[in-house]
Amino acid sequence: MGLKVNFTRIENVLLVRLDGELDHHEANHLRSEWQQILQQQPIEHVILNLEKLYFMDSSGLGVILGRYKEMQKSSGEMVICSISPEVKRLFDLSGMFKIMKLVDNESFALKMLGVAS
């Protein structure tokens, strides 16, 4: 199936919605597209919606961790929301939720970051 990616900017927040499979074939494309958007637009925070992502491997975790570190360097936040059970298990096993916040949905994440939806 591959990966469908939707980037939406809401004020100073980049909303990233992933749909499908994030594996090593898709990771490089996602990484370059995401970095390009972060460099071109004034983005302070990222919300990553994983509701429709049903498969991810370690290369996908690497892409997400890299963008998380970019946000940290600029004193921004990355918030994960609406995660599927399959992908949540990978995040749990990797320890990613020790550093990243997980919330129920986009609306809550936007409110948490001070952006009205």
PDB file of N, CA and C in Angstrom:
ATOM      1  N   MET A   1       0.813  -1.198   0.000  1.00  0.00           N
ATOM      2  CA  MET A   1       0.000   0.000   0.000  1.00  0.00           C
ATOM      3  C   MET A   1       0.856   1.261   0.000  1.00  0.00           C
ATOM      4  N   GLY A   2       1.955   1.268   0.737  1.00  0.00           N
ATOM      5  CA  GLY A   2       2.776   2.466   0.811  1.00  0.00           C
ATOM      6  C   GLY A   2       2.327   3.398   1.914  1.00  0.00           C
ATOM      7  N   LEU A   3       2.768   4.645   1.781  1.00  0.00           N
ATOM      8  CA  LEU A   3       2.498   5.643   2.814  1.00  0.00           C
ATOM      9  C   LEU A   3       1.917   6.895   2.172  1.00  0.00           C
ATOM     10  N   LYS A   4       0.835   7.385   2.755  1.00  0.00           N
ATOM     11  CA  LYS A   4       0.276   8.677   2.364  1.00  0.00           C
ATOM     12  C   LYS A   4       0.593   9.643   3.493  1.00  0.00           C
ATOM     13  N   VAL A   5       1.056  10.832   3.125  1.00  0.00           N
ATOM     14  CA  VAL A   5       1.443  11.834   4.113  1.00  0.00           C
ATOM     15  C   VAL A   5       0.687  13.119   3.834  1.00  0.00           C
ATOM     16  N   ASN A   6       0.158  13.717   4.894  1.00  0.00           N
ATOM     17  CA  ASN A   6      -0.509  15.003   4.781  1.00  0.00           C
ATOM     18  C   ASN A   6       0.132  15.961   5.770  1.00  0.00           C
ATOM     19  N   PHE A   7       0.659  17.067   5.258  1.00  0.00           N
ATOM     20  CA  PHE A   7       1.231  18.123   6.094  1.00  0.00           C
ATOM     21  C   PHE A   7       0.287  19.313   6.064  1.00  0.00           C
ATOM     22  N   THR A   8      -0.146  19.766   7.238  1.00  0.00           N
ATOM     23  CA  THR A   8      -1.021  20.928   7.354  1.00  0.00           C
ATOM     24  C   THR A   8      -0.436  21.866   8.397  1.00  0.00           C
ATOM     25  N   ARG A   9      -0.321  23.144   8.035  1.00  0.00           N
ATOM     26  CA  ARG A   9       0.184  24.126   8.998  1.00  0.00           C
ATOM     27  C   ARG A   9      -0.999  24.866   9.604  1.00  0.00           C
ATOM     28  N   ILE A  10      -1.051  24.883  10.932  1.00  0.00           N
ATOM     29  CA  ILE A  10      -2.073  25.627  11.668  1.00  0.00           C
ATOM     30  C   ILE A  10      -1.323  26.573  12.599  1.00  0.00           C
ATOM     31  N   GLU A  11      -1.329  27.839  12.234  1.00  0.00           N
ATOM     32  CA  GLU A  11      -0.542  28.856  12.937  1.00  0.00           C
ATOM     33  C   GLU A  11       0.924  28.419  12.960  1.00  0.00           C
ATOM     34  N   ASN A  12       1.496  28.198  14.138  1.00  0.00           N
ATOM     35  CA  ASN A  12       2.912  27.824  14.237  1.00  0.00           C
ATOM     36  C   ASN A  12       3.115  26.318  14.423  1.00  0.00           C
ATOM     37  N   VAL A  13       2.073  25.535  14.164  1.00  0.00           N
ATOM     38  CA  VAL A  13       2.113  24.085  14.383  1.00  0.00           C
ATOM     39  C   VAL A  13       2.007  23.358  13.042  1.00  0.00           C
ATOM     40  N   LEU A  14       2.881  22.381  12.857  1.00  0.00           N
ATOM     41  CA  LEU A  14       2.801  21.510  11.686  1.00  0.00           C
ATOM     42  C   LEU A  14       2.096  20.236  12.098  1.00  0.00           C
ATOM     43  N   LEU A  15       0.971  19.972  11.457  1.00  0.00           N
ATOM     44  CA  LEU A  15       0.209  18.753  11.710  1.00  0.00           C
ATOM     45  C   LEU A  15       0.596  17.741  10.630  1.00  0.00           C
ATOM     46  N   VAL A  16       1.132  16.602  11.060  1.00  0.00           N
ATOM     47  CA  VAL A  16       1.586  15.562  10.140  1.00  0.00           C
ATOM     48  C   VAL A  16       0.694  14.349  10.347  1.00  0.00           C
ATOM     49  N   ARG A  17      -0.022  13.971   9.274  1.00  0.00           N
ATOM     50  CA  ARG A  17      -0.888  12.787   9.332  1.00  0.00           C
ATOM     51  C   ARG A  17      -0.290  11.709   8.434  1.00  0.00           C
ATOM     52  N   LEU A  18      -0.061  10.527   9.016  1.00  0.00           N
ATOM     53  CA  LEU A  18       0.496   9.411   8.266  1.00  0.00           C
ATOM     54  C   LEU A  18      -0.566   8.332   8.101  1.00  0.00           C
ATOM     55  N   ASP A  19      -0.635   7.777   6.893  1.00  0.00           N
ATOM     56  CA  ASP A  19      -1.656   6.784   6.551  1.00  0.00           C
ATOM     57  C   ASP A  19      -0.989   5.649   5.779  1.00  0.00           C
ATOM     58  N   GLY A  20      -1.029   4.442   6.331  1.00  0.00           N
ATOM     59  CA  GLY A  20      -0.477   3.284   5.628  1.00  0.00           C
ATOM     60  C   GLY A  20       0.676   2.639   6.357  1.00  0.00           C
ATOM     61  N   GLU A  21       1.775   2.420   5.623  1.00  0.00           N
ATOM     62  CA  GLU A  21       2.950   1.721   6.155  1.00  0.00           C
ATOM     63  C   GLU A  21       4.176   2.620   6.073  1.00  0.00           C
ATOM     64  N   LEU A  22       4.865   2.751   7.200  1.00  0.00           N
ATOM     65  CA  LEU A  22       6.117   3.507   7.224  1.00  0.00           C
ATOM     66  C   LEU A  22       7.253   2.516   7.442  1.00  0.00           C
ATOM     67  N   ASP A  23       7.865   2.103   6.334  1.00  0.00           N
ATOM     68  CA  ASP A  23       8.984   1.167   6.401  1.00  0.00           C
ATOM     69  C   ASP A  23      10.224   1.820   5.814  1.00  0.00           C
ATOM     70  N   HIS A  24      11.297   1.051   5.662  1.00  0.00           N
ATOM     71  CA  HIS A  24      12.554   1.633   5.195  1.00  0.00           C
ATOM     72  C   HIS A  24      12.444   2.185   3.778  1.00  0.00           C
ATOM     73  N   HIS A  25      11.515   1.688   2.977  1.00  0.00           N
ATOM     74  CA  HIS A  25      11.322   2.213   1.626  1.00  0.00           C
ATOM     75  C   HIS A  25      10.724   3.621   1.658  1.00  0.00           C
ATOM     76  N   GLU A  26       9.845   3.873   2.611  1.00  0.00           N
ATOM     77  CA  GLU A  26       9.153   5.156   2.705  1.00  0.00           C
ATOM     78  C   GLU A  26       9.883   6.172   3.592  1.00  0.00           C
ATOM     79  N   ALA A  27      10.749   5.684   4.477  1.00  0.00           N
ATOM     80  CA  ALA A  27      11.367   6.541   5.493  1.00  0.00           C
ATOM     81  C   ALA A  27      12.201   7.678   4.898  1.00  0.00           C
ATOM     82  N   ASN A  28      13.020   7.396   3.906  1.00  0.00           N
ATOM     83  CA  ASN A  28      13.869   8.441   3.334  1.00  0.00           C
ATOM     84  C   ASN A  28      13.054   9.545   2.676  1.00  0.00           C
ATOM     85  N   HIS A  29      12.017   9.164   1.962  1.00  0.00           N
ATOM     86  CA  HIS A  29      11.156  10.160   1.316  1.00  0.00           C
ATOM     87  C   HIS A  29      10.470  11.040   2.367  1.00  0.00           C
ATOM     88  N   LEU A  30       9.918  10.404   3.396  1.00  0.00           N
ATOM     89  CA  LEU A  30       9.258  11.157   4.465  1.00  0.00           C
ATOM     90  C   LEU A  30      10.245  12.098   5.144  1.00  0.00           C
ATOM     91  N   ARG A  31      11.438  11.604   5.455  1.00  0.00           N
ATOM     92  CA  ARG A  31      12.457  12.414   6.125  1.00  0.00           C
ATOM     93  C   ARG A  31      12.774  13.673   5.309  1.00  0.00           C
ATOM     94  N   SER A  32      13.041  13.509   4.031  1.00  0.00           N
ATOM     95  CA  SER A  32      13.431  14.670   3.224  1.00  0.00           C
ATOM     96  C   SER A  32      12.277  15.657   3.054  1.00  0.00           C
ATOM     97  N   GLU A  33      11.068  15.150   2.837  1.00  0.00           N
ATOM     98  CA  GLU A  33       9.909  16.033   2.680  1.00  0.00           C
ATOM     99  C   GLU A  33       9.624  16.806   3.973  1.00  0.00           C
ATOM    100  N   TRP A  34       9.700  16.119   5.104  1.00  0.00           N
ATOM    101  CA  TRP A  34       9.433  16.731   6.409  1.00  0.00           C
ATOM    102  C   TRP A  34      10.490  17.785   6.728  1.00  0.00           C
ATOM    103  N   GLN A  35      11.761  17.459   6.499  1.00  0.00           N
ATOM    104  CA  GLN A  35      12.833  18.421   6.773  1.00  0.00           C
ATOM    105  C   GLN A  35      12.690  19.664   5.906  1.00  0.00           C
ATOM    106  N   GLN A  36      12.325  19.477   4.657  1.00  0.00           N
ATOM    107  CA  GLN A  36      12.153  20.598   3.743  1.00  0.00           C
ATOM    108  C   GLN A  36      11.071  21.548   4.245  1.00  0.00           C
ATOM    109  N   ILE A  37       9.958  21.002   4.706  1.00  0.00           N
ATOM    110  CA  ILE A  37       8.874  21.835   5.231  1.00  0.00           C
ATOM    111  C   ILE A  37       9.324  22.580   6.480  1.00  0.00           C
ATOM    112  N   LEU A  38      10.041  21.905   7.378  1.00  0.00           N
ATOM    113  CA  LEU A  38      10.515  22.555   8.603  1.00  0.00           C
ATOM    114  C   LEU A  38      11.488  23.689   8.298  1.00  0.00           C
ATOM    115  N   GLN A  39      12.263  23.555   7.225  1.00  0.00           N
ATOM    116  CA  GLN A  39      13.234  24.589   6.866  1.00  0.00           C
ATOM    117  C   GLN A  39      12.588  25.768   6.149  1.00  0.00           C
ATOM    118  N   GLN A  40      11.480  25.534   5.460  1.00  0.00           N
ATOM    119  CA  GLN A  40      10.852  26.573   4.651  1.00  0.00           C
ATOM    120  C   GLN A  40       9.812  27.394   5.402  1.00  0.00           C
ATOM    121  N   GLN A  41       9.236  26.860   6.447  1.00  0.00           N
ATOM    122  CA  GLN A  41       8.147  27.534   7.135  1.00  0.00           C
ATOM    123  C   GLN A  41       8.490  27.744   8.605  1.00  0.00           C
ATOM    124  N   PRO A  42       7.975  28.826   9.200  1.00  0.00           N
ATOM    125  CA  PRO A  42       8.207  29.036  10.632  1.00  0.00           C
ATOM    126  C   PRO A  42       7.334  28.093  11.472  1.00  0.00           C
ATOM    127  N   ILE A  43       7.899  26.974  11.844  1.00  0.00           N
ATOM    128  CA  ILE A  43       7.185  25.953  12.616  1.00  0.00           C
ATOM    129  C   ILE A  43       7.799  25.880  14.011  1.00  0.00           C
ATOM    130  N   GLU A  44       6.959  25.983  15.042  1.00  0.00           N
ATOM    131  CA  GLU A  44       7.443  25.876  16.421  1.00  0.00           C
ATOM    132  C   GLU A  44       7.193  24.496  17.014  1.00  0.00           C
ATOM    133  N   HIS A  45       6.086  23.857  16.614  1.00  0.00           N
ATOM    134  CA  HIS A  45       5.702  22.580  17.195  1.00  0.00           C
ATOM    135  C   HIS A  45       5.195  21.637  16.110  1.00  0.00           C
ATOM    136  N   VAL A  46       5.205  20.336  16.417  1.00  0.00           N
ATOM    137  CA  VAL A  46       4.696  19.325  15.493  1.00  0.00           C
ATOM    138  C   VAL A  46       3.701  18.439  16.224  1.00  0.00           C
ATOM    139  N   ILE A  47       2.573  18.169  15.563  1.00  0.00           N
ATOM    140  CA  ILE A  47       1.619  17.158  16.035  1.00  0.00           C
ATOM    141  C   ILE A  47       1.657  16.038  15.006  1.00  0.00           C
ATOM    142  N   LEU A  48       1.908  14.843  15.479  1.00  0.00           N
ATOM    143  CA  LEU A  48       2.006  13.682  14.601  1.00  0.00           C
ATOM    144  C   LEU A  48       0.804  12.777  14.848  1.00  0.00           C
ATOM    145  N   ASN A  49      -0.090  12.711  13.869  1.00  0.00           N
ATOM    146  CA  ASN A  49      -1.293  11.890  13.971  1.00  0.00           C
ATOM    147  C   ASN A  49      -1.011  10.535  13.317  1.00  0.00           C
ATOM    148  N   LEU A  50      -1.065   9.477  14.123  1.00  0.00           N
ATOM    149  CA  LEU A  50      -0.744   8.130  13.651  1.00  0.00           C
ATOM    150  C   LEU A  50      -1.965   7.211  13.651  1.00  0.00           C
ATOM    151  N   GLU A  51      -3.138   7.797  13.618  1.00  0.00           N
ATOM    152  CA  GLU A  51      -4.382   7.018  13.668  1.00  0.00           C
ATOM    153  C   GLU A  51      -4.483   6.007  12.525  1.00  0.00           C
ATOM    154  N   LYS A  52      -4.060   6.384  11.319  1.00  0.00           N
ATOM    155  CA  LYS A  52      -4.211   5.511  10.161  1.00  0.00           C
ATOM    156  C   LYS A  52      -2.906   4.822   9.758  1.00  0.00           C
ATOM    157  N   LEU A  53      -1.882   4.960  10.582  1.00  0.00           N
ATOM    158  CA  LEU A  53      -0.625   4.259  10.331  1.00  0.00           C
ATOM    159  C   LEU A  53      -0.732   2.889  10.994  1.00  0.00           C
ATOM    160  N   TYR A  54      -0.727   1.836  10.191  1.00  0.00           N
ATOM    161  CA  TYR A  54      -0.917   0.509  10.775  1.00  0.00           C
ATOM    162  C   TYR A  54       0.351  -0.334  10.794  1.00  0.00           C
ATOM    163  N   PHE A  55       1.440   0.162  10.187  1.00  0.00           N
ATOM    164  CA  PHE A  55       2.715  -0.548  10.285  1.00  0.00           C
ATOM    165  C   PHE A  55       3.847   0.462  10.279  1.00  0.00           C
ATOM    166  N   MET A  56       4.837   0.225  11.152  1.00  0.00           N
ATOM    167  CA  MET A  56       6.036   1.042  11.167  1.00  0.00           C
ATOM    168  C   MET A  56       7.181   0.172  11.655  1.00  0.00           C
ATOM    169  N   ASP A  57       8.357   0.332  11.031  1.00  0.00           N
ATOM    170  CA  ASP A  57       9.536  -0.391  11.499  1.00  0.00           C
ATOM    171  C   ASP A  57      10.517   0.592  12.126  1.00  0.00           C
ATOM    172  N   SER A  58      11.708   0.109  12.451  1.00  0.00           N
ATOM    173  CA  SER A  58      12.675   0.946  13.160  1.00  0.00           C
ATOM    174  C   SER A  58      13.134   2.153  12.338  1.00  0.00           C
ATOM    175  N   SER A  59      13.119   2.045  11.010  1.00  0.00           N
ATOM    176  CA  SER A  59      13.509   3.202  10.197  1.00  0.00           C
ATOM    177  C   SER A  59      12.485   4.329  10.354  1.00  0.00           C
ATOM    178  N   GLY A  60      11.224   3.973  10.524  1.00  0.00           N
ATOM    179  CA  GLY A  60      10.188   4.972  10.781  1.00  0.00           C
ATOM    180  C   GLY A  60      10.392   5.651  12.127  1.00  0.00           C
ATOM    181  N   LEU A  61      10.752   4.857  13.128  1.00  0.00           N
ATOM    182  CA  LEU A  61      11.061   5.436  14.440  1.00  0.00           C
ATOM    183  C   LEU A  61      12.225   6.410  14.321  1.00  0.00           C
ATOM    184  N   GLY A  62      13.202   6.059  13.493  1.00  0.00           N
ATOM    185  CA  GLY A  62      14.361   6.927  13.299  1.00  0.00           C
ATOM    186  C   GLY A  62      13.981   8.268  12.700  1.00  0.00           C
ATOM    187  N   VAL A  63      13.094   8.266  11.723  1.00  0.00           N
ATOM    188  CA  VAL A  63      12.623   9.508  11.108  1.00  0.00           C
ATOM    189  C   VAL A  63      11.928  10.375  12.156  1.00  0.00           C
ATOM    190  N   ILE A  64      11.057   9.768  12.934  1.00  0.00           N
ATOM    191  CA  ILE A  64      10.311  10.513  13.950  1.00  0.00           C
ATOM    192  C   ILE A  64      11.251  11.042  15.031  1.00  0.00           C
ATOM    193  N   LEU A  65      12.185  10.227  15.469  1.00  0.00           N
ATOM    194  CA  LEU A  65      13.137  10.668  16.487  1.00  0.00           C
ATOM    195  C   LEU A  65      13.997  11.819  15.973  1.00  0.00           C
ATOM    196  N   GLY A  66      14.401  11.753  14.726  1.00  0.00           N
ATOM    197  CA  GLY A  66      15.186  12.840  14.143  1.00  0.00           C
ATOM    198  C   GLY A  66      14.441  14.157  14.124  1.00  0.00           C
ATOM    199  N   ARG A  67      13.158  14.128  13.743  1.00  0.00           N
ATOM    200  CA  ARG A  67      12.363  15.358  13.717  1.00  0.00           C
ATOM    201  C   ARG A  67      12.086  15.833  15.139  1.00  0.00           C
ATOM    202  N   TYR A  68      11.938  14.894  16.073  1.00  0.00           N
ATOM    203  CA  TYR A  68      11.771  15.263  17.481  1.00  0.00           C
ATOM    204  C   TYR A  68      12.995  16.052  17.963  1.00  0.00           C
ATOM    205  N   LYS A  69      14.174  15.568  17.608  1.00  0.00           N
ATOM    206  CA  LYS A  69      15.410  16.255  18.022  1.00  0.00           C
ATOM    207  C   LYS A  69      15.513  17.636  17.391  1.00  0.00           C
ATOM    208  N   GLU A  70      15.056  17.769  16.147  1.00  0.00           N
ATOM    209  CA  GLU A  70      15.042  19.091  15.506  1.00  0.00           C
ATOM    210  C   GLU A  70      14.134  20.046  16.272  1.00  0.00           C
ATOM    211  N   MET A  71      12.983  19.557  16.712  1.00  0.00           N
ATOM    212  CA  MET A  71      12.061  20.395  17.478  1.00  0.00           C
ATOM    213  C   MET A  71      12.687  20.789  18.811  1.00  0.00           C
ATOM    214  N   GLN A  72      13.381  19.852  19.441  1.00  0.00           N
ATOM    215  CA  GLN A  72      14.027  20.135  20.725  1.00  0.00           C
ATOM    216  C   GLN A  72      15.092  21.225  20.590  1.00  0.00           C
ATOM    217  N   LYS A  73      15.853  21.190  19.506  1.00  0.00           N
ATOM    218  CA  LYS A  73      16.907  22.200  19.283  1.00  0.00           C
ATOM    219  C   LYS A  73      16.329  23.592  19.190  1.00  0.00           C
ATOM    220  N   SER A  74      15.122  23.711  18.665  1.00  0.00           N
ATOM    221  CA  SER A  74      14.496  25.023  18.524  1.00  0.00           C
ATOM    222  C   SER A  74      13.495  25.300  19.648  1.00  0.00           C
ATOM    223  N   SER A  75      13.588  24.543  20.738  1.00  0.00           N
ATOM    224  CA  SER A  75      12.724  24.678  21.919  1.00  0.00           C
ATOM    225  C   SER A  75      11.250  24.414  21.613  1.00  0.00           C
ATOM    226  N   GLY A  76      10.996  23.611  20.580  1.00  0.00           N
ATOM    227  CA  GLY A  76       9.632  23.244  20.240  1.00  0.00           C
ATOM    228  C   GLY A  76       9.266  21.895  20.821  1.00  0.00           C
ATOM    229  N   GLU A  77       8.020  21.510  20.577  1.00  0.00           N
ATOM    230  CA  GLU A  77       7.530  20.223  21.071  1.00  0.00           C
ATOM    231  C   GLU A  77       7.006  19.378  19.923  1.00  0.00           C
ATOM    232  N   MET A  78       7.068  18.071  20.107  1.00  0.00           N
ATOM    233  CA  MET A  78       6.396  17.146  19.215  1.00  0.00           C
ATOM    234  C   MET A  78       5.425  16.338  20.054  1.00  0.00           C
ATOM    235  N   VAL A  79       4.182  16.301  19.613  1.00  0.00           N
ATOM    236  CA  VAL A  79       3.135  15.584  20.323  1.00  0.00           C
ATOM    237  C   VAL A  79       2.584  14.510  19.385  1.00  0.00           C
ATOM    238  N   ILE A  80       2.452  13.289  19.891  1.00  0.00           N
ATOM    239  CA  ILE A  80       1.870  12.183  19.137  1.00  0.00           C
ATOM    240  C   ILE A  80       0.399  12.074  19.538  1.00  0.00           C
ATOM    241  N   CYS A  81      -0.471  11.840  18.542  1.00  0.00           N
ATOM    242  CA  CYS A  81      -1.879  11.667  18.890  1.00  0.00           C
ATOM    243  C   CYS A  81      -2.508  10.572  18.039  1.00  0.00           C
ATOM    244  N   SER A  82      -3.642  10.077  18.524  1.00  0.00           N
ATOM    245  CA  SER A  82      -4.492   9.129  17.789  1.00  0.00           C
ATOM    246  C   SER A  82      -3.710   7.935  17.247  1.00  0.00           C
ATOM    247  N   ILE A  83      -2.904   7.332  18.071  1.00  0.00           N
ATOM    248  CA  ILE A  83      -2.014   6.255  17.624  1.00  0.00           C
ATOM    249  C   ILE A  83      -2.764   4.919  17.550  1.00  0.00           C
ATOM    250  N   SER A  84      -2.481   4.168  16.500  1.00  0.00           N
ATOM    251  CA  SER A  84      -3.090   2.843  16.350  1.00  0.00           C
ATOM    252  C   SER A  84      -2.441   1.877  17.341  1.00  0.00           C
ATOM    253  N   PRO A  85      -3.155   0.828  17.749  1.00  0.00           N
ATOM    254  CA  PRO A  85      -2.604  -0.120  18.725  1.00  0.00           C
ATOM    255  C   PRO A  85      -1.304  -0.792  18.249  1.00  0.00           C
ATOM    256  N   GLU A  86      -1.220  -1.100  16.956  1.00  0.00           N
ATOM    257  CA  GLU A  86      -0.022  -1.774  16.429  1.00  0.00           C
ATOM    258  C   GLU A  86       1.215  -0.883  16.551  1.00  0.00           C
ATOM    259  N   VAL A  87       1.043   0.375  16.209  1.00  0.00           N
ATOM    260  CA  VAL A  87       2.169   1.310  16.248  1.00  0.00           C
ATOM    261  C   VAL A  87       2.476   1.716  17.688  1.00  0.00           C
ATOM    262  N   LYS A  88       1.448   1.819  18.515  1.00  0.00           N
ATOM    263  CA  LYS A  88       1.665   2.159  19.931  1.00  0.00           C
ATOM    264  C   LYS A  88       2.564   1.127  20.601  1.00  0.00           C
ATOM    265  N   ARG A  89       2.381  -0.123  20.243  1.00  0.00           N
ATOM    266  CA  ARG A  89       3.204  -1.186  20.828  1.00  0.00           C
ATOM    267  C   ARG A  89       4.675  -0.968  20.500  1.00  0.00           C
ATOM    268  N   LEU A  90       4.974  -0.593  19.264  1.00  0.00           N
ATOM    269  CA  LEU A  90       6.360  -0.320  18.864  1.00  0.00           C
ATOM    270  C   LEU A  90       6.929   0.864  19.640  1.00  0.00           C
ATOM    271  N   PHE A  91       6.133   1.919  19.803  1.00  0.00           N
ATOM    272  CA  PHE A  91       6.576   3.076  20.586  1.00  0.00           C
ATOM    273  C   PHE A  91       6.841   2.682  22.032  1.00  0.00           C
ATOM    274  N   ASP A  92       5.950   1.861  22.593  1.00  0.00           N
ATOM    275  CA  ASP A  92       6.137   1.396  23.975  1.00  0.00           C
ATOM    276  C   ASP A  92       7.424   0.600  24.121  1.00  0.00           C
ATOM    277  N   LEU A  93       7.645  -0.342  23.215  1.00  0.00           N
ATOM    278  CA  LEU A  93       8.834  -1.188  23.274  1.00  0.00           C
ATOM    279  C   LEU A  93      10.119  -0.391  23.094  1.00  0.00           C
ATOM    280  N   SER A  94      10.067   0.649  22.280  1.00  0.00           N
ATOM    281  CA  SER A  94      11.266   1.446  21.999  1.00  0.00           C
ATOM    282  C   SER A  94      11.563   2.477  23.094  1.00  0.00           C
ATOM    283  N   GLY A  95      10.590   2.736  23.953  1.00  0.00           N
ATOM    284  CA  GLY A  95      10.777   3.738  24.997  1.00  0.00           C
ATOM    285  C   GLY A  95      10.546   5.165  24.523  1.00  0.00           C
ATOM    286  N   MET A  96       9.988   5.335  23.337  1.00  0.00           N
ATOM    287  CA  MET A  96       9.784   6.681  22.778  1.00  0.00           C
ATOM    288  C   MET A  96       8.849   7.536  23.630  1.00  0.00           C
ATOM    289  N   PHE A  97       7.888   6.900  24.317  1.00  0.00           N
ATOM    290  CA  PHE A  97       6.965   7.692  25.121  1.00  0.00           C
ATOM    291  C   PHE A  97       7.604   8.198  26.406  1.00  0.00           C
ATOM    292  N   LYS A  98       8.837   7.813  26.662  1.00  0.00           N
ATOM    293  CA  LYS A  98       9.559   8.404  27.795  1.00  0.00           C
ATOM    294  C   LYS A  98       9.995   9.827  27.463  1.00  0.00           C
ATOM    295  N   ILE A  99      10.101  10.138  26.163  1.00  0.00           N
ATOM    296  CA  ILE A  99      10.525  11.484  25.774  1.00  0.00           C
ATOM    297  C   ILE A  99       9.440  12.264  25.034  1.00  0.00           C
ATOM    298  N   MET A 100       8.509  11.570  24.383  1.00  0.00           N
ATOM    299  CA  MET A 100       7.460  12.234  23.615  1.00  0.00           C
ATOM    300  C   MET A 100       6.118  12.107  24.312  1.00  0.00           C
ATOM    301  N   LYS A 101       5.299  13.136  24.124  1.00  0.00           N
ATOM    302  CA  LYS A 101       3.963  13.133  24.728  1.00  0.00           C
ATOM    303  C   LYS A 101       2.973  12.439  23.798  1.00  0.00           C
ATOM    304  N   LEU A 102       2.076  11.665  24.395  1.00  0.00           N
ATOM    305  CA  LEU A 102       0.988  11.014  23.671  1.00  0.00           C
ATOM    306  C   LEU A 102      -0.324  11.554  24.213  1.00  0.00           C
ATOM    307  N   VAL A 103      -1.186  12.045  23.307  1.00  0.00           N
ATOM    308  CA  VAL A 103      -2.517  12.516  23.692  1.00  0.00           C
ATOM    309  C   VAL A 103      -3.550  11.813  22.817  1.00  0.00           C
ATOM    310  N   ASP A 104      -4.814  11.935  23.194  1.00  0.00           N
ATOM    311  CA  ASP A 104      -5.880  11.191  22.525  1.00  0.00           C
ATOM    312  C   ASP A 104      -6.158  11.621  21.089  1.00  0.00           C
ATOM    313  N   ASN A 105      -6.172  12.942  20.839  1.00  0.00           N
ATOM    314  CA  ASN A 105      -6.596  13.393  19.503  1.00  0.00           C
ATOM    315  C   ASN A 105      -5.967  14.732  19.130  1.00  0.00           C
ATOM    316  N   GLU A 106      -6.178  15.124  17.868  1.00  0.00           N
ATOM    317  CA  GLU A 106      -5.614  16.371  17.345  1.00  0.00           C
ATOM    318  C   GLU A 106      -6.128  17.596  18.094  1.00  0.00           C
ATOM    319  N   SER A 107      -7.419  17.615  18.382  1.00  0.00           N
ATOM    320  CA  SER A 107      -8.009  18.775  19.065  1.00  0.00           C
ATOM    321  C   SER A 107      -7.321  19.029  20.397  1.00  0.00           C
ATOM    322  N   PHE A 108      -7.129  17.977  21.176  1.00  0.00           N
ATOM    323  CA  PHE A 108      -6.479  18.120  22.473  1.00  0.00           C
ATOM    324  C   PHE A 108      -5.033  18.584  22.286  1.00  0.00           C
ATOM    325  N   ALA A 109      -4.336  18.016  21.312  1.00  0.00           N
ATOM    326  CA  ALA A 109      -2.935  18.388  21.054  1.00  0.00           C
ATOM    327  C   ALA A 109      -2.839  19.871  20.676  1.00  0.00           C
ATOM    328  N   LEU A 110      -3.746  20.333  19.812  1.00  0.00           N
ATOM    329  CA  LEU A 110      -3.741  21.745  19.414  1.00  0.00           C
ATOM    330  C   LEU A 110      -4.003  22.653  20.605  1.00  0.00           C
ATOM    331  N   LYS A 111      -4.956  22.291  21.444  1.00  0.00           N
ATOM    332  CA  LYS A 111      -5.247  23.094  22.647  1.00  0.00           C
ATOM    333  C   LYS A 111      -4.044  23.107  23.584  1.00  0.00           C
ATOM    334  N   MET A 112      -3.409  21.955  23.720  1.00  0.00           N
ATOM    335  CA  MET A 112      -2.243  21.836  24.595  1.00  0.00           C
ATOM    336  C   MET A 112      -1.104  22.757  24.128  1.00  0.00           C
ATOM    337  N   LEU A 113      -0.984  22.930  22.817  1.00  0.00           N
ATOM    338  CA  LEU A 113       0.070  23.781  22.260  1.00  0.00           C
ATOM    339  C   LEU A 113      -0.387  25.229  22.082  1.00  0.00           C
ATOM    340  N   GLY A 114      -1.589  25.554  22.560  1.00  0.00           N
ATOM    341  CA  GLY A 114      -2.074  26.912  22.532  1.00  0.00           C
ATOM    342  C   GLY A 114      -2.656  27.365  21.216  1.00  0.00           C
ATOM    343  N   VAL A 115      -3.093  26.415  20.401  1.00  0.00           N
ATOM    344  CA  VAL A 115      -3.674  26.742  19.096  1.00  0.00           C
ATOM    345  C   VAL A 115      -5.129  26.313  19.106  1.00  0.00           C
ATOM    346  N   ALA A 116      -6.017  27.239  18.797  1.00  0.00           N
ATOM    347  CA  ALA A 116      -7.448  26.906  18.735  1.00  0.00           C
ATOM    348  C   ALA A 116      -7.722  26.154  17.445  1.00  0.00           C
ATOM    349  N   SER A 117      -8.522  25.098  17.531  1.00  0.00           N
ATOM    350  CA  SER A 117      -8.811  24.323  16.320  1.00  0.00           C
ATOM    351  C   SER A 117     -10.137  24.700  15.714  1.00  0.00           C
TER     352      SER A 117
END
